[in-house]
Amino acid sequence: MTISIWRLSHLTLAISTSLFIVIAAVTGLILTFEPITNKLKPYSIGSYEQISIAETIEALEKRYDEIITIEIDENNFVAASIINKKGEYKSFYINPKTGEKIGNLIKKSRFYDFITNLHRSLFLKSTGRLLIGFVSFLLFIIAITGIILIFKRQGGIRKSFLQSCKRKLSTILSYIFW
C-alpha cells in the first residue's frame, strides 16, 4: 500500500510540474540567443584595449561640445553620452579612435523582454517568482520520492548499494533512467 502511495505522489508531482519545466526550458533556450545576436552587431572595434581614454576623450572633444559618460558595455562596445553642438543630449556607440558615431545603443527587443518576463516570473512578478520557487520545491520532493521508490524496489538502502556494487555501471544507469 505504501509503495502505491509513493508512486502515485511521485507521478502526480511529476505531471503537475512538467508544464513549468517545459516553459523554463523553452524560454531559457530562446534567451541564450539574445547575447549572440547582440555580439553580431558591427559596433565592435578590434583593439580598443590599446587606445587610452585620453585619446578617446580628445577625439570626442573635437566632435562634440560636452562629454557626459564613456563606458564599455557587456558586448565590449564603447558607448558615449554627449551633448552635441545643437545642445541635444545623445547616447550611442562610438569608434574610440576617431570619436565618430558608429551606431545607436542596442535596446532590448520586445520579444526578448516578453520571453524574459515569462521565464523569470510567468508575467506575475513577485507572485510568479514565489510560484516558481514552490514548483522548485515540488521538483525536490519528486527527487526524494524517486529515491525512496528505487530503495523500496531494491529491498532497502543496504541491499540497493550491495546489489549496485555487483552490477556493471551500464546496468545501474539503465535501471535508474528507465
C-alpha atoms as a PDB file:
ATOM      1  CA  MET A   1       0.000   0.000   0.000  1.00  0.00           C
ATOM      2  CA  THR A   2       2.753   2.466   0.899  1.00  0.00           C
ATOM      3  CA  ILE A   3       4.552   1.776  -2.362  1.00  0.00           C
ATOM      4  CA  SER A   4       1.466   2.744  -4.340  1.00  0.00           C
ATOM      5  CA  ILE A   5       1.138   5.988  -2.323  1.00  0.00           C
ATOM      6  CA  TRP A   6       4.753   6.869  -3.103  1.00  0.00           C
ATOM      7  CA  ARG A   7       4.295   6.029  -6.770  1.00  0.00           C
ATOM      8  CA  LEU A   8       1.065   7.977  -7.000  1.00  0.00           C
ATOM      9  CA  SER A   9       2.567  11.045  -5.275  1.00  0.00           C
ATOM     10  CA  HIS A  10       5.656  10.833  -7.466  1.00  0.00           C
ATOM     11  CA  LEU A  11       3.545  10.647 -10.639  1.00  0.00           C
ATOM     12  CA  THR A  12       1.201  13.443  -9.534  1.00  0.00           C
ATOM     13  CA  LEU A  13       4.079  15.785  -8.719  1.00  0.00           C
ATOM     14  CA  ALA A  14       5.825  14.949 -11.995  1.00  0.00           C
ATOM     15  CA  ILE A  15       2.747  15.687 -14.082  1.00  0.00           C
ATOM     16  CA  SER A  16       1.956  18.915 -12.232  1.00  0.00           C
ATOM     17  CA  THR A  17       5.475  20.325 -12.584  1.00  0.00           C
ATOM     18  CA  SER A  18       6.186  19.168 -16.139  1.00  0.00           C
ATOM     19  CA  LEU A  19       4.497  22.232 -17.661  1.00  0.00           C
ATOM     20  CA  PHE A  20       6.758  24.548 -15.668  1.00  0.00           C
ATOM     21  CA  ILE A  21       9.834  22.591 -16.692  1.00  0.00           C
ATOM     22  CA  VAL A  22       8.872  22.806 -20.360  1.00  0.00           C
ATOM     23  CA  ILE A  23       8.214  26.571 -20.128  1.00  0.00           C
ATOM     24  CA  ALA A  24      11.513  27.187 -18.337  1.00  0.00           C
ATOM     25  CA  ALA A  25      13.455  25.038 -20.791  1.00  0.00           C
ATOM     26  CA  VAL A  26      11.984  26.566 -23.951  1.00  0.00           C
ATOM     27  CA  THR A  27      12.237  30.176 -22.753  1.00  0.00           C
ATOM     28  CA  GLY A  28      15.758  29.551 -21.438  1.00  0.00           C
ATOM     29  CA  LEU A  29      16.771  28.178 -24.820  1.00  0.00           C
ATOM     30  CA  ILE A  30      15.367  31.239 -26.581  1.00  0.00           C
ATOM     31  CA  LEU A  31      17.138  33.596 -24.146  1.00  0.00           C
ATOM     32  CA  THR A  32      20.517  32.049 -24.955  1.00  0.00           C
ATOM     33  CA  PHE A  33      20.321  33.602 -28.415  1.00  0.00           C
ATOM     34  CA  GLU A  34      19.995  37.215 -27.178  1.00  0.00           C
ATOM     35  CA  PRO A  35      23.693  37.755 -26.349  1.00  0.00           C
ATOM     36  CA  ILE A  36      24.671  36.038 -29.577  1.00  0.00           C
ATOM     37  CA  THR A  37      22.537  38.382 -31.683  1.00  0.00           C
ATOM     38  CA  ASN A  38      23.929  41.388 -29.787  1.00  0.00           C
ATOM     39  CA  LYS A  39      27.523  40.259 -30.370  1.00  0.00           C
ATOM     40  CA  LEU A  40      26.863  40.028 -34.104  1.00  0.00           C
ATOM     41  CA  LYS A  41      26.206  43.776 -34.335  1.00  0.00           C
ATOM     42  CA  PRO A  42      29.012  45.634 -36.159  1.00  0.00           C
ATOM     43  CA  TYR A  43      29.830  48.017 -33.271  1.00  0.00           C
ATOM     44  CA  SER A  44      32.952  46.261 -32.026  1.00  0.00           C
ATOM     45  CA  ILE A  45      36.331  47.852 -32.507  1.00  0.00           C
ATOM     46  CA  GLY A  46      39.086  45.246 -32.717  1.00  0.00           C
ATOM     47  CA  SER A  47      41.774  46.542 -30.353  1.00  0.00           C
ATOM     48  CA  TYR A  48      40.146  49.172 -28.177  1.00  0.00           C
ATOM     49  CA  GLU A  49      42.256  47.978 -25.217  1.00  0.00           C
ATOM     50  CA  GLN A  50      45.309  49.598 -26.818  1.00  0.00           C
ATOM     51  CA  ILE A  51      43.616  53.004 -27.043  1.00  0.00           C
ATOM     52  CA  SER A  52      43.935  55.224 -23.992  1.00  0.00           C
ATOM     53  CA  ILE A  53      40.957  57.003 -22.503  1.00  0.00           C
ATOM     54  CA  ALA A  54      42.765  60.294 -23.114  1.00  0.00           C
ATOM     55  CA  GLU A  55      42.831  59.626 -26.872  1.00  0.00           C
ATOM     56  CA  THR A  56      39.137  58.810 -26.864  1.00  0.00           C
ATOM     57  CA  ILE A  57      38.245  61.934 -24.869  1.00  0.00           C
ATOM     58  CA  GLU A  58      40.368  64.088 -27.180  1.00  0.00           C
ATOM     59  CA  ALA A  59      38.656  62.628 -30.263  1.00  0.00           C
ATOM     60  CA  LEU A  60      35.209  63.205 -28.722  1.00  0.00           C
ATOM     61  CA  GLU A  61      36.013  66.781 -27.668  1.00  0.00           C
ATOM     62  CA  LYS A  62      36.827  67.641 -31.276  1.00  0.00           C
ATOM     63  CA  ARG A  63      33.378  66.465 -32.409  1.00  0.00           C
ATOM     64  CA  TYR A  64      31.023  67.363 -29.541  1.00  0.00           C
ATOM     65  CA  ASP A  65      30.538  70.183 -27.055  1.00  0.00           C
ATOM     66  CA  GLU A  66      30.377  68.110 -23.892  1.00  0.00           C
ATOM     67  CA  ILE A  67      31.104  64.515 -22.920  1.00  0.00           C
ATOM     68  CA  ILE A  68      28.880  63.107 -20.180  1.00  0.00           C
ATOM     69  CA  THR A  69      29.943  59.433 -19.979  1.00  0.00           C
ATOM     70  CA  ILE A  70      32.092  56.899 -21.779  1.00  0.00           C
ATOM     71  CA  GLU A  71      31.615  53.222 -20.997  1.00  0.00           C
ATOM     72  CA  ILE A  72      32.211  49.756 -22.353  1.00  0.00           C
ATOM     73  CA  ASP A  73      29.091  47.578 -22.240  1.00  0.00           C
ATOM     74  CA  GLU A  74      28.762  43.805 -21.776  1.00  0.00           C
ATOM     75  CA  ASN A  75      29.263  43.268 -25.531  1.00  0.00           C
ATOM     76  CA  ASN A  76      32.595  45.184 -25.454  1.00  0.00           C
ATOM     77  CA  PHE A  77      31.103  48.072 -27.440  1.00  0.00           C
ATOM     78  CA  VAL A  78      32.230  51.585 -26.487  1.00  0.00           C
ATOM     79  CA  ALA A  79      29.251  53.828 -25.716  1.00  0.00           C
ATOM     80  CA  ALA A  80      29.267  57.571 -25.112  1.00  0.00           C
ATOM     81  CA  SER A  81      26.727  60.062 -23.850  1.00  0.00           C
ATOM     82  CA  ILE A  82      27.363  63.552 -25.202  1.00  0.00           C
ATOM     83  CA  ILE A  83      25.821  66.933 -25.800  1.00  0.00           C
ATOM     84  CA  ASN A  84      26.227  67.957 -29.423  1.00  0.00           C
ATOM     85  CA  LYS A  85      26.737  71.414 -30.969  1.00  0.00           C
ATOM     86  CA  LYS A  86      22.941  71.951 -31.097  1.00  0.00           C
ATOM     87  CA  GLY A  87      22.664  71.303 -27.348  1.00  0.00           C
ATOM     88  CA  GLU A  88      20.966  67.912 -27.713  1.00  0.00           C
ATOM     89  CA  TYR A  89      21.754  65.023 -25.385  1.00  0.00           C
ATOM     90  CA  LYS A  90      22.649  61.842 -27.300  1.00  0.00           C
ATOM     91  CA  SER A  91      23.863  58.345 -26.402  1.00  0.00           C
ATOM     92  CA  PHE A  92      25.351  55.993 -28.980  1.00  0.00           C
ATOM     93  CA  TYR A  93      28.224  53.649 -29.791  1.00  0.00           C
ATOM     94  CA  ILE A  94      31.448  55.277 -30.908  1.00  0.00           C
ATOM     95  CA  ASN A  95      34.724  54.416 -32.516  1.00  0.00           C
ATOM     96  CA  PRO A  96      37.162  55.127 -29.655  1.00  0.00           C
ATOM     97  CA  LYS A  97      39.942  56.114 -32.075  1.00  0.00           C
ATOM     98  CA  THR A  98      38.031  58.730 -34.053  1.00  0.00           C
ATOM     99  CA  GLY A  99      35.127  59.575 -31.752  1.00  0.00           C
ATOM    100  CA  GLU A 100      32.615  59.153 -34.570  1.00  0.00           C
ATOM    101  CA  LYS A 101      29.209  57.589 -34.072  1.00  0.00           C
ATOM    102  CA  ILE A 102      29.016  54.024 -35.387  1.00  0.00           C
ATOM    103  CA  GLY A 103      25.518  53.093 -34.231  1.00  0.00           C
ATOM    104  CA  ASN A 104      22.643  53.598 -31.833  1.00  0.00           C
ATOM    105  CA  LEU A 105      22.546  51.876 -28.458  1.00  0.00           C
ATOM    106  CA  ILE A 106      21.068  48.394 -28.537  1.00  0.00           C
ATOM    107  CA  LYS A 107      17.676  48.347 -26.887  1.00  0.00           C
ATOM    108  CA  LYS A 108      16.307  45.078 -25.615  1.00  0.00           C
ATOM    109  CA  SER A 109      13.829  43.841 -28.177  1.00  0.00           C
ATOM    110  CA  ARG A 110      10.216  43.473 -27.159  1.00  0.00           C
ATOM    111  CA  PHE A 111      10.374  39.769 -27.979  1.00  0.00           C
ATOM    112  CA  TYR A 112      13.296  39.094 -25.612  1.00  0.00           C
ATOM    113  CA  ASP A 113      11.681  41.272 -22.948  1.00  0.00           C
ATOM    114  CA  PHE A 114       8.499  39.199 -23.265  1.00  0.00           C
ATOM    115  CA  ILE A 115      10.430  35.914 -23.044  1.00  0.00           C
ATOM    116  CA  THR A 116      12.472  37.155 -20.052  1.00  0.00           C
ATOM    117  CA  ASN A 117       9.323  38.062 -18.127  1.00  0.00           C
ATOM    118  CA  LEU A 118       7.799  34.674 -18.935  1.00  0.00           C
ATOM    119  CA  HIS A 119      10.983  32.831 -17.932  1.00  0.00           C
ATOM    120  CA  ARG A 120      11.505  34.655 -14.638  1.00  0.00           C
ATOM    121  CA  SER A 121       8.012  35.056 -13.255  1.00  0.00           C
ATOM    122  CA  LEU A 122       5.319  33.859 -15.679  1.00  0.00           C
ATOM    123  CA  PHE A 123       4.192  37.529 -16.013  1.00  0.00           C
ATOM    124  CA  LEU A 124       3.127  37.522 -12.357  1.00  0.00           C
ATOM    125  CA  LYS A 125       6.127  39.479 -10.949  1.00  0.00           C
ATOM    126  CA  SER A 126       6.763  38.575  -7.298  1.00  0.00           C
ATOM    127  CA  THR A 127       3.799  36.167  -7.179  1.00  0.00           C
ATOM    128  CA  GLY A 128       5.210  34.344 -10.194  1.00  0.00           C
ATOM    129  CA  ARG A 129       8.631  34.093  -8.591  1.00  0.00           C
ATOM    130  CA  LEU A 130       7.020  32.654  -5.483  1.00  0.00           C
ATOM    131  CA  LEU A 131       5.157  30.156  -7.692  1.00  0.00           C
ATOM    132  CA  ILE A 132       8.392  29.170  -9.446  1.00  0.00           C
ATOM    133  CA  GLY A 133      10.023  28.695  -6.027  1.00  0.00           C
ATOM    134  CA  PHE A 134       7.149  26.437  -4.980  1.00  0.00           C
ATOM    135  CA  VAL A 135       7.463  24.394  -8.179  1.00  0.00           C
ATOM    136  CA  SER A 136      11.197  24.051  -7.494  1.00  0.00           C
ATOM    137  CA  PHE A 137      10.321  22.688  -4.066  1.00  0.00           C
ATOM    138  CA  LEU A 138       7.938  20.199  -5.718  1.00  0.00           C
ATOM    139  CA  LEU A 139      10.758  19.091  -8.019  1.00  0.00           C
ATOM    140  CA  PHE A 140      12.876  18.477  -4.926  1.00  0.00           C
ATOM    141  CA  ILE A 141      10.053  16.340  -3.493  1.00  0.00           C
ATOM    142  CA  ILE A 142       9.889  14.413  -6.787  1.00  0.00           C
ATOM    143  CA  ALA A 143      13.595  13.628  -6.489  1.00  0.00           C
ATOM    144  CA  ILE A 144      13.169  12.424  -2.891  1.00  0.00           C
ATOM    145  CA  THR A 145      10.151  10.235  -3.712  1.00  0.00           C
ATOM    146  CA  GLY A 146      12.022   8.810  -6.705  1.00  0.00           C
ATOM    147  CA  ILE A 147      14.939   7.826  -4.477  1.00  0.00           C
ATOM    148  CA  ILE A 148      12.538   6.242  -1.986  1.00  0.00           C
ATOM    149  CA  LEU A 149      10.884   4.270  -4.799  1.00  0.00           C
ATOM    150  CA  ILE A 150      14.248   2.984  -6.009  1.00  0.00           C
ATOM    151  CA  PHE A 151      15.195   1.864  -2.492  1.00  0.00           C
ATOM    152  CA  LYS A 152      11.797   0.205  -1.985  1.00  0.00           C
ATOM    153  CA  ARG A 153      12.161  -1.709  -5.238  1.00  0.00           C
ATOM    154  CA  GLN A 154      15.687  -2.838  -4.318  1.00  0.00           C
ATOM    155  CA  GLY A 155      14.601  -4.014  -0.878  1.00  0.00           C
ATOM    156  CA  GLY A 156      16.198  -1.266   1.216  1.00  0.00           C
ATOM    157  CA  ILE A 157      19.195   1.063   1.200  1.00  0.00           C
ATOM    158  CA  ARG A 158      21.706  -1.585   2.200  1.00  0.00           C
ATOM    159  CA  LYS A 159      20.601  -4.093  -0.453  1.00  0.00           C
ATOM    160  CA  SER A 160      20.476  -1.346  -3.050  1.00  0.00           C
ATOM    161  CA  PHE A 161      24.140  -0.496  -2.561  1.00  0.00           C
ATOM    162  CA  LEU A 162      25.228  -4.123  -2.271  1.00  0.00           C
ATOM    163  CA  GLN A 163      23.452  -5.000  -5.497  1.00  0.00           C
ATOM    164  CA  SER A 164      24.851  -1.973  -7.286  1.00  0.00           C
ATOM    165  CA  CYS A 165      28.404  -2.969  -6.368  1.00  0.00           C
ATOM    166  CA  LYS A 166      27.864  -6.349  -8.061  1.00  0.00           C
ATOM    167  CA  ARG A 167      26.354  -4.923 -11.256  1.00  0.00           C
ATOM    168  CA  LYS A 168      28.007  -3.240 -14.190  1.00  0.00           C
ATOM    169  CA  LEU A 169      27.710   0.546 -14.453  1.00  0.00           C
ATOM    170  CA  SER A 170      25.592   0.324 -17.608  1.00  0.00           C
ATOM    171  CA  THR A 171      23.058  -1.890 -15.834  1.00  0.00           C
ATOM    172  CA  ILE A 172      22.804   0.558 -12.934  1.00  0.00           C
ATOM    173  CA  LEU A 173      22.325   3.562 -15.217  1.00  0.00           C
ATOM    174  CA  SER A 174      19.725   1.799 -17.328  1.00  0.00           C
ATOM    175  CA  TYR A 175      17.820   0.853 -14.177  1.00  0.00           C
ATOM    176  CA  ILE A 176      17.903   4.408 -12.819  1.00  0.00           C
ATOM    177  CA  PHE A 177      16.905   6.086 -16.074  1.00  0.00           C
ATOM    178  CA  TRP A 178      14.288   3.532 -17.065  1.00  0.00           C
END
